[in-house]
Amino acid sequence: GRPLQNDEYVEVTWTVESLEDGEIEGKTDLRRHRILRLLVEAEVQGAAPTVGDLADILNVSDRTIKRDIAILRQMGHHIETRGST
């Protein structure tokens, strides 16, 4: 897709940490749980984050997010980020 114009950016309020996160064991599972939550929150607010947006907010590399998204898709989750399908 084309780059966003300045008036097309949407400010999103995300819940990076939540009480429910304490129920999830393992750093990887927790990060993937948070990715799903962040994507839902963004969609509800009319936004589609980039892989870079997710990497920044979760303090990991783009490569890590891409790998997590690929696995989440294999698990049956429908995931859309800006700049990917």
PDB file of N, CA and C in Angstrom:
ATOM      1  N   GLY A   1       0.815  -1.181   0.000  1.00  0.00           N
ATOM      2  CA  GLY A   1       0.000   0.000   0.000  1.00  0.00           C
ATOM      3  C   GLY A   1       0.861   1.247   0.000  1.00  0.00           C
ATOM      4  N   ARG A   2       0.214   2.337  -0.197  1.00  0.00           N
ATOM      5  CA  ARG A   2       0.917   3.620  -0.235  1.00  0.00           C
ATOM      6  C   ARG A   2       1.166   4.128   1.177  1.00  0.00           C
ATOM      7  N   PRO A   3       2.139   5.001   1.333  1.00  0.00           N
ATOM      8  CA  PRO A   3       2.384   5.590   2.664  1.00  0.00           C
ATOM      9  C   PRO A   3       1.176   6.420   3.103  1.00  0.00           C
ATOM     10  N   LEU A   4       0.967   6.469   4.395  1.00  0.00           N
ATOM     11  CA  LEU A   4      -0.125   7.288   4.931  1.00  0.00           C
ATOM     12  C   LEU A   4       0.188   8.769   4.764  1.00  0.00           C
ATOM     13  N   GLN A   5      -0.837   9.540   4.490  1.00  0.00           N
ATOM     14  CA  GLN A   5      -0.721  10.988   4.487  1.00  0.00           C
ATOM     15  C   GLN A   5      -0.852  11.455   5.933  1.00  0.00           C
ATOM     16  N   ASN A   6      -0.348  12.657   6.230  1.00  0.00           N
ATOM     17  CA  ASN A   6      -0.378  13.153   7.612  1.00  0.00           C
ATOM     18  C   ASN A   6      -1.767  13.115   8.232  1.00  0.00           C
ATOM     19  N   ASP A   7      -2.807  13.402   7.429  1.00  0.00           N
ATOM     20  CA  ASP A   7      -4.159  13.433   7.988  1.00  0.00           C
ATOM     21  C   ASP A   7      -4.793  12.039   8.095  1.00  0.00           C
ATOM     22  N   GLU A   8      -4.064  11.000   7.704  1.00  0.00           N
ATOM     23  CA  GLU A   8      -4.590   9.644   7.778  1.00  0.00           C
ATOM     24  C   GLU A   8      -4.098   8.875   9.005  1.00  0.00           C
ATOM     25  N   TYR A   9      -3.167   9.446   9.734  1.00  0.00           N
ATOM     26  CA  TYR A   9      -2.665   8.771  10.931  1.00  0.00           C
ATOM     27  C   TYR A   9      -3.735   8.786  12.009  1.00  0.00           C
ATOM     28  N   VAL A  10      -3.831   7.697  12.744  1.00  0.00           N
ATOM     29  CA  VAL A  10      -4.790   7.579  13.837  1.00  0.00           C
ATOM     30  C   VAL A  10      -3.999   7.353  15.116  1.00  0.00           C
ATOM     31  N   GLU A  11      -4.280   8.172  16.131  1.00  0.00           N
ATOM     32  CA  GLU A  11      -3.640   7.956  17.424  1.00  0.00           C
ATOM     33  C   GLU A  11      -4.386   6.850  18.148  1.00  0.00           C
ATOM     34  N   VAL A  12      -3.641   5.860  18.611  1.00  0.00           N
ATOM     35  CA  VAL A  12      -4.248   4.695  19.248  1.00  0.00           C
ATOM     36  C   VAL A  12      -3.806   4.627  20.703  1.00  0.00           C
ATOM     37  N   THR A  13      -4.762   4.333  21.573  1.00  0.00           N
ATOM     38  CA  THR A  13      -4.455   4.075  22.981  1.00  0.00           C
ATOM     39  C   THR A  13      -4.407   2.571  23.161  1.00  0.00           C
ATOM     40  N   TRP A  14      -3.248   2.079  23.606  1.00  0.00           N
ATOM     41  CA  TRP A  14      -3.030   0.648  23.756  1.00  0.00           C
ATOM     42  C   TRP A  14      -2.871   0.259  25.209  1.00  0.00           C
ATOM     43  N   THR A  15      -3.291  -0.953  25.529  1.00  0.00           N
ATOM     44  CA  THR A  15      -3.062  -1.539  26.842  1.00  0.00           C
ATOM     45  C   THR A  15      -1.917  -2.536  26.680  1.00  0.00           C
ATOM     46  N   VAL A  16      -0.706  -2.103  27.012  1.00  0.00           N
ATOM     47  CA  VAL A  16       0.455  -2.977  26.834  1.00  0.00           C
ATOM     48  C   VAL A  16       0.481  -4.040  27.921  1.00  0.00           C
ATOM     49  N   GLU A  17       0.208  -3.637  29.159  1.00  0.00           N
ATOM     50  CA  GLU A  17       0.196  -4.580  30.272  1.00  0.00           C
ATOM     51  C   GLU A  17      -1.199  -4.618  30.881  1.00  0.00           C
ATOM     52  N   SER A  18      -1.653  -5.813  31.189  1.00  0.00           N
ATOM     53  CA  SER A  18      -2.987  -5.998  31.747  1.00  0.00           C
ATOM     54  C   SER A  18      -2.922  -7.040  32.862  1.00  0.00           C
ATOM     55  N   LEU A  19      -3.878  -6.994  33.762  1.00  0.00           N
ATOM     56  CA  LEU A  19      -3.926  -7.972  34.853  1.00  0.00           C
ATOM     57  C   LEU A  19      -3.980  -9.400  34.321  1.00  0.00           C
ATOM     58  N   GLU A  20      -4.704  -9.608  33.221  1.00  0.00           N
ATOM     59  CA  GLU A  20      -4.827 -10.956  32.662  1.00  0.00           C
ATOM     60  C   GLU A  20      -3.483 -11.513  32.192  1.00  0.00           C
ATOM     61  N   ASP A  21      -2.520 -10.634  31.929  1.00  0.00           N
ATOM     62  CA  ASP A  21      -1.194 -11.084  31.484  1.00  0.00           C
ATOM     63  C   ASP A  21      -0.521 -11.980  32.520  1.00  0.00           C
ATOM     64  N   GLY A  22      -0.850 -11.789  33.787  1.00  0.00           N
ATOM     65  CA  GLY A  22      -0.247 -12.576  34.854  1.00  0.00           C
ATOM     66  C   GLY A  22      -0.610 -14.050  34.800  1.00  0.00           C
ATOM     67  N   GLU A  23      -1.677 -14.360  34.064  1.00  0.00           N
ATOM     68  CA  GLU A  23      -2.122 -15.747  33.949  1.00  0.00           C
ATOM     69  C   GLU A  23      -1.372 -16.503  32.850  1.00  0.00           C
ATOM     70  N   ILE A  24      -0.570 -15.803  32.067  1.00  0.00           N
ATOM     71  CA  ILE A  24       0.099 -16.411  30.924  1.00  0.00           C
ATOM     72  C   ILE A  24       1.544 -16.718  31.274  1.00  0.00           C
ATOM     73  N   GLU A  25       1.919 -17.962  31.087  1.00  0.00           N
ATOM     74  CA  GLU A  25       3.282 -18.384  31.396  1.00  0.00           C
ATOM     75  C   GLU A  25       4.131 -18.336  30.138  1.00  0.00           C
ATOM     76  N   GLY A  26       5.342 -17.882  30.295  1.00  0.00           N
ATOM     77  CA  GLY A  26       6.279 -17.866  29.178  1.00  0.00           C
ATOM     78  C   GLY A  26       6.309 -16.523  28.482  1.00  0.00           C
ATOM     79  N   LYS A  27       7.506 -16.037  28.269  1.00  0.00           N
ATOM     80  CA  LYS A  27       7.710 -14.727  27.648  1.00  0.00           C
ATOM     81  C   LYS A  27       7.125 -14.676  26.232  1.00  0.00           C
ATOM     82  N   THR A  28       7.316 -15.734  25.463  1.00  0.00           N
ATOM     83  CA  THR A  28       6.841 -15.756  24.081  1.00  0.00           C
ATOM     84  C   THR A  28       5.319 -15.771  24.023  1.00  0.00           C
ATOM     85  N   ASP A  29       4.690 -16.625  24.814  1.00  0.00           N
ATOM     86  CA  ASP A  29       3.233 -16.678  24.831  1.00  0.00           C
ATOM     87  C   ASP A  29       2.643 -15.349  25.298  1.00  0.00           C
ATOM     88  N   LEU A  30       3.273 -14.726  26.271  1.00  0.00           N
ATOM     89  CA  LEU A  30       2.801 -13.438  26.762  1.00  0.00           C
ATOM     90  C   LEU A  30       2.889 -12.381  25.660  1.00  0.00           C
ATOM     91  N   ARG A  31       4.007 -12.352  24.947  1.00  0.00           N
ATOM     92  CA  ARG A  31       4.169 -11.362  23.868  1.00  0.00           C
ATOM     93  C   ARG A  31       3.114 -11.579  22.784  1.00  0.00           C
ATOM     94  N   ARG A  32       2.867 -12.820  22.423  1.00  0.00           N
ATOM     95  CA  ARG A  32       1.869 -13.109  21.384  1.00  0.00           C
ATOM     96  C   ARG A  32       0.464 -12.742  21.851  1.00  0.00           C
ATOM     97  N   HIS A  33       0.173 -12.970  23.108  1.00  0.00           N
ATOM     98  CA  HIS A  33      -1.105 -12.563  23.694  1.00  0.00           C
ATOM     99  C   HIS A  33      -1.257 -11.040  23.601  1.00  0.00           C
ATOM    100  N   ARG A  34      -0.185 -10.337  23.925  1.00  0.00           N
ATOM    101  CA  ARG A  34      -0.221  -8.872  23.863  1.00  0.00           C
ATOM    102  C   ARG A  34      -0.379  -8.381  22.428  1.00  0.00           C
ATOM    103  N   ILE A  35       0.272  -9.033  21.472  1.00  0.00           N
ATOM    104  CA  ILE A  35       0.124  -8.646  20.062  1.00  0.00           C
ATOM    105  C   ILE A  35      -1.347  -8.735  19.670  1.00  0.00           C
ATOM    106  N   LEU A  36      -1.991  -9.838  20.000  1.00  0.00           N
ATOM    107  CA  LEU A  36      -3.406  -9.993  19.657  1.00  0.00           C
ATOM    108  C   LEU A  36      -4.254  -8.904  20.305  1.00  0.00           C
ATOM    109  N   ARG A  37      -3.991  -8.604  21.579  1.00  0.00           N
ATOM    110  CA  ARG A  37      -4.756  -7.560  22.266  1.00  0.00           C
ATOM    111  C   ARG A  37      -4.531  -6.200  21.601  1.00  0.00           C
ATOM    112  N   LEU A  38      -3.285  -5.882  21.286  1.00  0.00           N
ATOM    113  CA  LEU A  38      -2.968  -4.590  20.674  1.00  0.00           C
ATOM    114  C   LEU A  38      -3.622  -4.455  19.302  1.00  0.00           C
ATOM    115  N   LEU A  39      -3.651  -5.531  18.540  1.00  0.00           N
ATOM    116  CA  LEU A  39      -4.278  -5.485  17.220  1.00  0.00           C
ATOM    117  C   LEU A  39      -5.783  -5.261  17.325  1.00  0.00           C
ATOM    118  N   VAL A  40      -6.426  -5.914  18.290  1.00  0.00           N
ATOM    119  CA  VAL A  40      -7.868  -5.720  18.501  1.00  0.00           C
ATOM    120  C   VAL A  40      -8.135  -4.276  18.917  1.00  0.00           C
ATOM    121  N   GLU A  41      -7.341  -3.770  19.852  1.00  0.00           N
ATOM    122  CA  GLU A  41      -7.530  -2.390  20.320  1.00  0.00           C
ATOM    123  C   GLU A  41      -7.338  -1.401  19.173  1.00  0.00           C
ATOM    124  N   ALA A  42      -6.348  -1.630  18.326  1.00  0.00           N
ATOM    125  CA  ALA A  42      -6.108  -0.739  17.193  1.00  0.00           C
ATOM    126  C   ALA A  42      -7.290  -0.782  16.224  1.00  0.00           C
ATOM    127  N   GLU A  43      -7.776  -1.992  15.927  1.00  0.00           N
ATOM    128  CA  GLU A  43      -8.889  -2.133  14.993  1.00  0.00           C
ATOM    129  C   GLU A  43     -10.130  -1.419  15.497  1.00  0.00           C
ATOM    130  N   VAL A  44     -10.426  -1.576  16.783  1.00  0.00           N
ATOM    131  CA  VAL A  44     -11.589  -0.917  17.384  1.00  0.00           C
ATOM    132  C   VAL A  44     -11.479   0.606  17.241  1.00  0.00           C
ATOM    133  N   GLN A  45     -10.238   1.109  17.262  1.00  0.00           N
ATOM    134  CA  GLN A  45     -10.011   2.550  17.169  1.00  0.00           C
ATOM    135  C   GLN A  45      -9.793   3.010  15.717  1.00  0.00           C
ATOM    136  N   GLY A  46     -10.023   2.104  14.764  1.00  0.00           N
ATOM    137  CA  GLY A  46      -9.947   2.467  13.358  1.00  0.00           C
ATOM    138  C   GLY A  46      -8.531   2.548  12.807  1.00  0.00           C
ATOM    139  N   ALA A  47      -7.612   1.789  13.388  1.00  0.00           N
ATOM    140  CA  ALA A  47      -6.220   1.855  12.969  1.00  0.00           C
ATOM    141  C   ALA A  47      -5.698   0.468  12.614  1.00  0.00           C
ATOM    142  N   ALA A  48      -4.632   0.456  11.837  1.00  0.00           N
ATOM    143  CA  ALA A  48      -3.910  -0.780  11.520  1.00  0.00           C
ATOM    144  C   ALA A  48      -2.429  -0.481  11.750  1.00  0.00           C
ATOM    145  N   PRO A  49      -1.860  -1.010  12.820  1.00  0.00           N
ATOM    146  CA  PRO A  49      -0.456  -0.721  13.116  1.00  0.00           C
ATOM    147  C   PRO A  49       0.483  -1.436  12.155  1.00  0.00           C
ATOM    148  N   THR A  50       1.688  -0.932  12.055  1.00  0.00           N
ATOM    149  CA  THR A  50       2.720  -1.607  11.284  1.00  0.00           C
ATOM    150  C   THR A  50       3.445  -2.590  12.192  1.00  0.00           C
ATOM    151  N   VAL A  51       4.215  -3.473  11.581  1.00  0.00           N
ATOM    152  CA  VAL A  51       5.066  -4.372  12.355  1.00  0.00           C
ATOM    153  C   VAL A  51       5.990  -3.535  13.237  1.00  0.00           C
ATOM    154  N   GLY A  52       6.514  -2.442  12.693  1.00  0.00           N
ATOM    155  CA  GLY A  52       7.394  -1.551  13.453  1.00  0.00           C
ATOM    156  C   GLY A  52       6.706  -0.940  14.663  1.00  0.00           C
ATOM    157  N   ASP A  53       5.434  -0.568  14.510  1.00  0.00           N
ATOM    158  CA  ASP A  53       4.672  -0.020  15.644  1.00  0.00           C
ATOM    159  C   ASP A  53       4.600  -1.045  16.774  1.00  0.00           C
ATOM    160  N   LEU A  54       4.273  -2.282  16.417  1.00  0.00           N
ATOM    161  CA  LEU A  54       4.158  -3.343  17.422  1.00  0.00           C
ATOM    162  C   LEU A  54       5.507  -3.645  18.057  1.00  0.00           C
ATOM    163  N   ALA A  55       6.550  -3.675  17.233  1.00  0.00           N
ATOM    164  CA  ALA A  55       7.900  -3.940  17.754  1.00  0.00           C
ATOM    165  C   ALA A  55       8.307  -2.861  18.751  1.00  0.00           C
ATOM    166  N   ASP A  56       8.019  -1.610  18.403  1.00  0.00           N
ATOM    167  CA  ASP A  56       8.388  -0.496  19.282  1.00  0.00           C
ATOM    168  C   ASP A  56       7.670  -0.582  20.623  1.00  0.00           C
ATOM    169  N   ILE A  57       6.353  -0.805  20.583  1.00  0.00           N
ATOM    170  CA  ILE A  57       5.585  -0.795  21.823  1.00  0.00           C
ATOM    171  C   ILE A  57       5.927  -1.988  22.714  1.00  0.00           C
ATOM    172  N   LEU A  58       6.330  -3.110  22.093  1.00  0.00           N
ATOM    173  CA  LEU A  58       6.669  -4.305  22.869  1.00  0.00           C
ATOM    174  C   LEU A  58       8.172  -4.449  23.097  1.00  0.00           C
ATOM    175  N   ASN A  59       8.930  -3.489  22.573  1.00  0.00           N
ATOM    176  CA  ASN A  59      10.380  -3.441  22.793  1.00  0.00           C
ATOM    177  C   ASN A  59      11.095  -4.715  22.306  1.00  0.00           C
ATOM    178  N   VAL A  60      10.728  -5.125  21.090  1.00  0.00           N
ATOM    179  CA  VAL A  60      11.376  -6.261  20.432  1.00  0.00           C
ATOM    180  C   VAL A  60      11.670  -5.868  18.986  1.00  0.00           C
ATOM    181  N   SER A  61      12.344  -6.739  18.253  1.00  0.00           N
ATOM    182  CA  SER A  61      12.692  -6.442  16.863  1.00  0.00           C
ATOM    183  C   SER A  61      11.507  -6.693  15.928  1.00  0.00           C
ATOM    184  N   ASP A  62      11.565  -6.051  14.755  1.00  0.00           N
ATOM    185  CA  ASP A  62      10.557  -6.302  13.726  1.00  0.00           C
ATOM    186  C   ASP A  62      10.528  -7.790  13.381  1.00  0.00           C
ATOM    187  N   ARG A  63      11.695  -8.385  13.328  1.00  0.00           N
ATOM    188  CA  ARG A  63      11.808  -9.798  12.978  1.00  0.00           C
ATOM    189  C   ARG A  63      11.043 -10.682  13.976  1.00  0.00           C
ATOM    190  N   THR A  64      11.139 -10.344  15.252  1.00  0.00           N
ATOM    191  CA  THR A  64      10.415 -11.092  16.282  1.00  0.00           C
ATOM    192  C   THR A  64       8.912 -10.972  16.073  1.00  0.00           C
ATOM    193  N   ILE A  65       8.438  -9.760  15.797  1.00  0.00           N
ATOM    194  CA  ILE A  65       7.002  -9.550  15.568  1.00  0.00           C
ATOM    195  C   ILE A  65       6.551 -10.323  14.336  1.00  0.00           C
ATOM    196  N   LYS A  66       7.328 -10.261  13.262  1.00  0.00           N
ATOM    197  CA  LYS A  66       6.960 -10.990  12.036  1.00  0.00           C
ATOM    198  C   LYS A  66       6.865 -12.487  12.300  1.00  0.00           C
ATOM    199  N   ARG A  67       7.801 -13.013  13.070  1.00  0.00           N
ATOM    200  CA  ARG A  67       7.784 -14.441  13.399  1.00  0.00           C
ATOM    201  C   ARG A  67       6.544 -14.769  14.249  1.00  0.00           C
ATOM    202  N   ASP A  68       6.261 -13.930  15.234  1.00  0.00           N
ATOM    203  CA  ASP A  68       5.089 -14.156  16.081  1.00  0.00           C
ATOM    204  C   ASP A  68       3.798 -14.101  15.262  1.00  0.00           C
ATOM    205  N   ILE A  69       3.695 -13.129  14.371  1.00  0.00           N
ATOM    206  CA  ILE A  69       2.491 -12.994  13.546  1.00  0.00           C
ATOM    207  C   ILE A  69       2.328 -14.218  12.648  1.00  0.00           C
ATOM    208  N   ALA A  70       3.417 -14.702  12.072  1.00  0.00           N
ATOM    209  CA  ALA A  70       3.344 -15.898  11.225  1.00  0.00           C
ATOM    210  C   ALA A  70       2.810 -17.084  12.019  1.00  0.00           C
ATOM    211  N   ILE A  71       3.284 -17.245  13.240  1.00  0.00           N
ATOM    212  CA  ILE A  71       2.833 -18.357  14.079  1.00  0.00           C
ATOM    213  C   ILE A  71       1.380 -18.165  14.500  1.00  0.00           C
ATOM    214  N   LEU A  72       1.006 -16.941  14.852  1.00  0.00           N
ATOM    215  CA  LEU A  72      -0.386 -16.675  15.225  1.00  0.00           C
ATOM    216  C   LEU A  72      -1.319 -16.955  14.049  1.00  0.00           C
ATOM    217  N   ARG A  73      -0.891 -16.611  12.845  1.00  0.00           N
ATOM    218  CA  ARG A  73      -1.708 -16.914  11.658  1.00  0.00           C
ATOM    219  C   ARG A  73      -1.840 -18.420  11.469  1.00  0.00           C
ATOM    220  N   GLN A  74      -0.755 -19.157  11.681  1.00  0.00           N
ATOM    221  CA  GLN A  74      -0.806 -20.620  11.563  1.00  0.00           C
ATOM    222  C   GLN A  74      -1.770 -21.206  12.584  1.00  0.00           C
ATOM    223  N   MET A  75      -1.908 -20.527  13.710  1.00  0.00           N
ATOM    224  CA  MET A  75      -2.817 -20.976  14.767  1.00  0.00           C
ATOM    225  C   MET A  75      -4.276 -20.615  14.447  1.00  0.00           C
ATOM    226  N   GLY A  76      -4.495 -19.888  13.339  1.00  0.00           N
ATOM    227  CA  GLY A  76      -5.851 -19.562  12.919  1.00  0.00           C
ATOM    228  C   GLY A  76      -6.299 -18.143  13.174  1.00  0.00           C
ATOM    229  N   HIS A  77      -5.423 -17.300  13.699  1.00  0.00           N
ATOM    230  CA  HIS A  77      -5.786 -15.906  13.944  1.00  0.00           C
ATOM    231  C   HIS A  77      -5.695 -15.114  12.646  1.00  0.00           C
ATOM    232  N   HIS A  78      -6.702 -14.302  12.388  1.00  0.00           N
ATOM    233  CA  HIS A  78      -6.684 -13.410  11.227  1.00  0.00           C
ATOM    234  C   HIS A  78      -6.009 -12.129  11.670  1.00  0.00           C
ATOM    235  N   ILE A  79      -4.841 -11.871  11.130  1.00  0.00           N
ATOM    236  CA  ILE A  79      -4.056 -10.717  11.566  1.00  0.00           C
ATOM    237  C   ILE A  79      -3.732  -9.844  10.372  1.00  0.00           C
ATOM    238  N   GLU A  80      -4.053  -8.555  10.518  1.00  0.00           N
ATOM    239  CA  GLU A  80      -3.679  -7.577   9.506  1.00  0.00           C
ATOM    240  C   GLU A  80      -2.905  -6.464  10.152  1.00  0.00           C
ATOM    241  N   THR A  81      -1.787  -6.150   9.542  1.00  0.00           N
ATOM    242  CA  THR A  81      -1.008  -4.990   9.951  1.00  0.00           C
ATOM    243  C   THR A  81      -0.867  -4.103   8.738  1.00  0.00           C
ATOM    244  N   ARG A  82      -0.617  -2.847   8.950  1.00  0.00           N
ATOM    245  CA  ARG A  82      -0.407  -1.945   7.826  1.00  0.00           C
ATOM    246  C   ARG A  82       0.895  -2.334   7.149  1.00  0.00           C
ATOM    247  N   GLY A  83       0.831  -2.562   5.832  1.00  0.00           N
ATOM    248  CA  GLY A  83       2.036  -2.920   5.098  1.00  0.00           C
ATOM    249  C   GLY A  83       2.197  -4.414   4.933  1.00  0.00           C
ATOM    250  N   SER A  84       1.242  -5.212   5.420  1.00  0.00           N
ATOM    251  CA  SER A  84       1.278  -6.664   5.205  1.00  0.00           C
ATOM    252  C   SER A  84      -0.141  -7.169   5.043  1.00  0.00           C
ATOM    253  N   THR A  85      -0.239  -8.454   4.733  1.00  0.00           N
ATOM    254  CA  THR A  85      -1.592  -9.029   4.577  1.00  0.00           C
ATOM    255  C   THR A  85      -1.785 -10.154   5.548  1.00  0.00           C
TER     256      THR A  85
END
